[in-house]
């Protein structure tokens, strides 16, 4: 809504001198009034355009988690003959 209002103010300030054609004469301090009016109008227009809030900071979206399904493994005790006698070792068995 602020952009629309500032655009309307800008159009009104630009077209207002064109709406009332008056002969150009500099009598009794009219130049000073024009300069002051221009400065005030510029300050109002500049303040309306410059008062926009800063953009929001960028937002990081984490990627979706990825699940890798690994086979279920277990350790099994296994007896084996090593040439001298029976030994026991643990062997990983995956299904």
C-alpha atoms as a PDB file:
ATOM      1  CA  UNK A   1       0.000   0.000   0.000  1.00  0.00           C
ATOM      2  CA  UNK A   2       2.929   2.346   0.672  1.00  0.00           C
ATOM      3  CA  UNK A   3       4.213   2.029  -2.892  1.00  0.00           C
ATOM      4  CA  UNK A   4       0.835   3.007  -4.301  1.00  0.00           C
ATOM      5  CA  UNK A   5       0.569   6.026  -2.023  1.00  0.00           C
ATOM      6  CA  UNK A   6       4.089   7.192  -2.853  1.00  0.00           C
ATOM      7  CA  UNK A   7       3.362   6.769  -6.571  1.00  0.00           C
ATOM      8  CA  UNK A   8       0.188   8.871  -6.247  1.00  0.00           C
ATOM      9  CA  UNK A   9       2.116  11.574  -4.377  1.00  0.00           C
ATOM     10  CA  UNK A  10       4.835  11.556  -7.037  1.00  0.00           C
ATOM     11  CA  UNK A  11       2.323  11.882  -9.863  1.00  0.00           C
ATOM     12  CA  UNK A  12       0.501  14.676  -8.030  1.00  0.00           C
ATOM     13  CA  UNK A  13       3.732  16.598  -7.454  1.00  0.00           C
ATOM     14  CA  UNK A  14       4.848  16.213 -11.045  1.00  0.00           C
ATOM     15  CA  UNK A  15       1.526  17.148 -12.646  1.00  0.00           C
ATOM     16  CA  UNK A  16       0.504  19.972 -10.272  1.00  0.00           C
ATOM     17  CA  UNK A  17       2.578  22.662 -12.046  1.00  0.00           C
ATOM     18  CA  UNK A  18       1.107  21.581 -15.365  1.00  0.00           C
ATOM     19  CA  UNK A  19      -2.481  21.834 -14.146  1.00  0.00           C
ATOM     20  CA  UNK A  20      -2.347  25.587 -13.403  1.00  0.00           C
ATOM     21  CA  UNK A  21      -0.625  27.524 -16.177  1.00  0.00           C
ATOM     22  CA  UNK A  22       0.588  30.832 -14.750  1.00  0.00           C
ATOM     23  CA  UNK A  23       2.844  33.376 -16.356  1.00  0.00           C
ATOM     24  CA  UNK A  24       6.410  33.237 -15.034  1.00  0.00           C
ATOM     25  CA  UNK A  25       7.219  36.377 -13.037  1.00  0.00           C
ATOM     26  CA  UNK A  26       9.618  36.723 -10.155  1.00  0.00           C
ATOM     27  CA  UNK A  27       8.123  39.353  -7.872  1.00  0.00           C
ATOM     28  CA  UNK A  28       8.064  39.707  -4.101  1.00  0.00           C
ATOM     29  CA  UNK A  29      10.097  36.593  -3.261  1.00  0.00           C
ATOM     30  CA  UNK A  30       8.234  34.096  -5.446  1.00  0.00           C
ATOM     31  CA  UNK A  31      11.501  32.437  -6.446  1.00  0.00           C
ATOM     32  CA  UNK A  32      12.274  31.690  -2.796  1.00  0.00           C
ATOM     33  CA  UNK A  33       8.781  30.257  -2.312  1.00  0.00           C
ATOM     34  CA  UNK A  34       9.268  28.003  -5.330  1.00  0.00           C
ATOM     35  CA  UNK A  35      12.647  26.785  -4.093  1.00  0.00           C
ATOM     36  CA  UNK A  36      11.317  26.122  -0.589  1.00  0.00           C
ATOM     37  CA  UNK A  37       8.252  24.362  -2.000  1.00  0.00           C
ATOM     38  CA  UNK A  38      10.459  22.205  -4.205  1.00  0.00           C
ATOM     39  CA  UNK A  39      12.707  21.312  -1.294  1.00  0.00           C
ATOM     40  CA  UNK A  40       9.751  20.385   0.909  1.00  0.00           C
ATOM     41  CA  UNK A  41       8.142  18.348  -1.885  1.00  0.00           C
ATOM     42  CA  UNK A  42      11.426  16.581  -2.570  1.00  0.00           C
ATOM     43  CA  UNK A  43      11.883  15.828   1.116  1.00  0.00           C
ATOM     44  CA  UNK A  44       8.391  14.366   1.345  1.00  0.00           C
ATOM     45  CA  UNK A  45       8.798  12.291  -1.789  1.00  0.00           C
ATOM     46  CA  UNK A  46      12.290  11.134  -0.811  1.00  0.00           C
ATOM     47  CA  UNK A  47      11.117  10.216   2.679  1.00  0.00           C
ATOM     48  CA  UNK A  48       8.189   8.236   1.283  1.00  0.00           C
ATOM     49  CA  UNK A  49      10.409   6.312  -1.118  1.00  0.00           C
ATOM     50  CA  UNK A  50      13.286   5.761   1.313  1.00  0.00           C
ATOM     51  CA  UNK A  51      11.205   4.510   4.250  1.00  0.00           C
ATOM     52  CA  UNK A  52      10.768   1.012   2.868  1.00  0.00           C
ATOM     53  CA  UNK A  53      11.842  -1.718   5.306  1.00  0.00           C
ATOM     54  CA  UNK A  54      14.917  -3.758   4.385  1.00  0.00           C
ATOM     55  CA  UNK A  55      14.323  -7.100   2.673  1.00  0.00           C
ATOM     56  CA  UNK A  56      14.153 -10.141   4.929  1.00  0.00           C
ATOM     57  CA  UNK A  57      17.321 -12.190   5.328  1.00  0.00           C
ATOM     58  CA  UNK A  58      17.683 -15.258   3.111  1.00  0.00           C
ATOM     59  CA  UNK A  59      16.235 -18.425   4.564  1.00  0.00           C
ATOM     60  CA  UNK A  60      18.014 -21.783   4.418  1.00  0.00           C
ATOM     61  CA  UNK A  61      15.914 -24.876   3.918  1.00  0.00           C
ATOM     62  CA  UNK A  62      17.648 -28.102   4.900  1.00  0.00           C
ATOM     63  CA  UNK A  63      17.282 -30.934   2.387  1.00  0.00           C
ATOM     64  CA  UNK A  64      15.005 -33.803   3.249  1.00  0.00           C
ATOM     65  CA  UNK A  65      16.692 -36.622   5.162  1.00  0.00           C
ATOM     66  CA  UNK A  66      17.714 -39.647   3.131  1.00  0.00           C
ATOM     67  CA  UNK A  67      17.383 -43.036   4.720  1.00  0.00           C
ATOM     68  CA  UNK A  68      19.502 -45.884   3.410  1.00  0.00           C
ATOM     69  CA  UNK A  69      18.162 -49.251   4.323  1.00  0.00           C
ATOM     70  CA  UNK A  70      21.036 -51.549   5.167  1.00  0.00           C
ATOM     71  CA  UNK A  71      20.682 -55.251   5.680  1.00  0.00           C
ATOM     72  CA  UNK A  72      20.372 -56.394   9.262  1.00  0.00           C
ATOM     73  CA  UNK A  73      23.646 -57.980  10.386  1.00  0.00           C
ATOM     74  CA  UNK A  74      24.453 -59.961  13.484  1.00  0.00           C
ATOM     75  CA  UNK A  75      27.458 -61.655  15.025  1.00  0.00           C
ATOM     76  CA  UNK A  76      27.348 -65.436  15.281  1.00  0.00           C
ATOM     77  CA  UNK A  77      29.775 -67.648  17.198  1.00  0.00           C
ATOM     78  CA  UNK A  78      31.208 -70.294  14.913  1.00  0.00           C
ATOM     79  CA  UNK A  79      33.396 -73.272  15.794  1.00  0.00           C
ATOM     80  CA  UNK A  80      36.134 -74.249  13.392  1.00  0.00           C
ATOM     81  CA  UNK A  81      39.089 -76.663  13.307  1.00  0.00           C
ATOM     82  CA  UNK A  82      42.425 -74.906  12.871  1.00  0.00           C
ATOM     83  CA  UNK A  83      44.498 -78.071  12.507  1.00  0.00           C
ATOM     84  CA  UNK A  84      45.423 -78.259  16.187  1.00  0.00           C
ATOM     85  CA  UNK A  85      42.016 -78.103  17.854  1.00  0.00           C
ATOM     86  CA  UNK A  86      38.584 -76.563  17.839  1.00  0.00           C
ATOM     87  CA  UNK A  87      38.480 -72.765  18.019  1.00  0.00           C
ATOM     88  CA  UNK A  88      35.588 -70.321  18.341  1.00  0.00           C
ATOM     89  CA  UNK A  89      35.361 -67.107  16.364  1.00  0.00           C
ATOM     90  CA  UNK A  90      32.696 -64.508  15.768  1.00  0.00           C
ATOM     91  CA  UNK A  91      31.430 -64.145  12.206  1.00  0.00           C
ATOM     92  CA  UNK A  92      29.200 -61.347  10.903  1.00  0.00           C
ATOM     93  CA  UNK A  93      26.126 -62.742   9.150  1.00  0.00           C
ATOM     94  CA  UNK A  94      23.941 -60.394   7.093  1.00  0.00           C
ATOM     95  CA  UNK A  95      20.478 -61.410   5.938  1.00  0.00           C
END
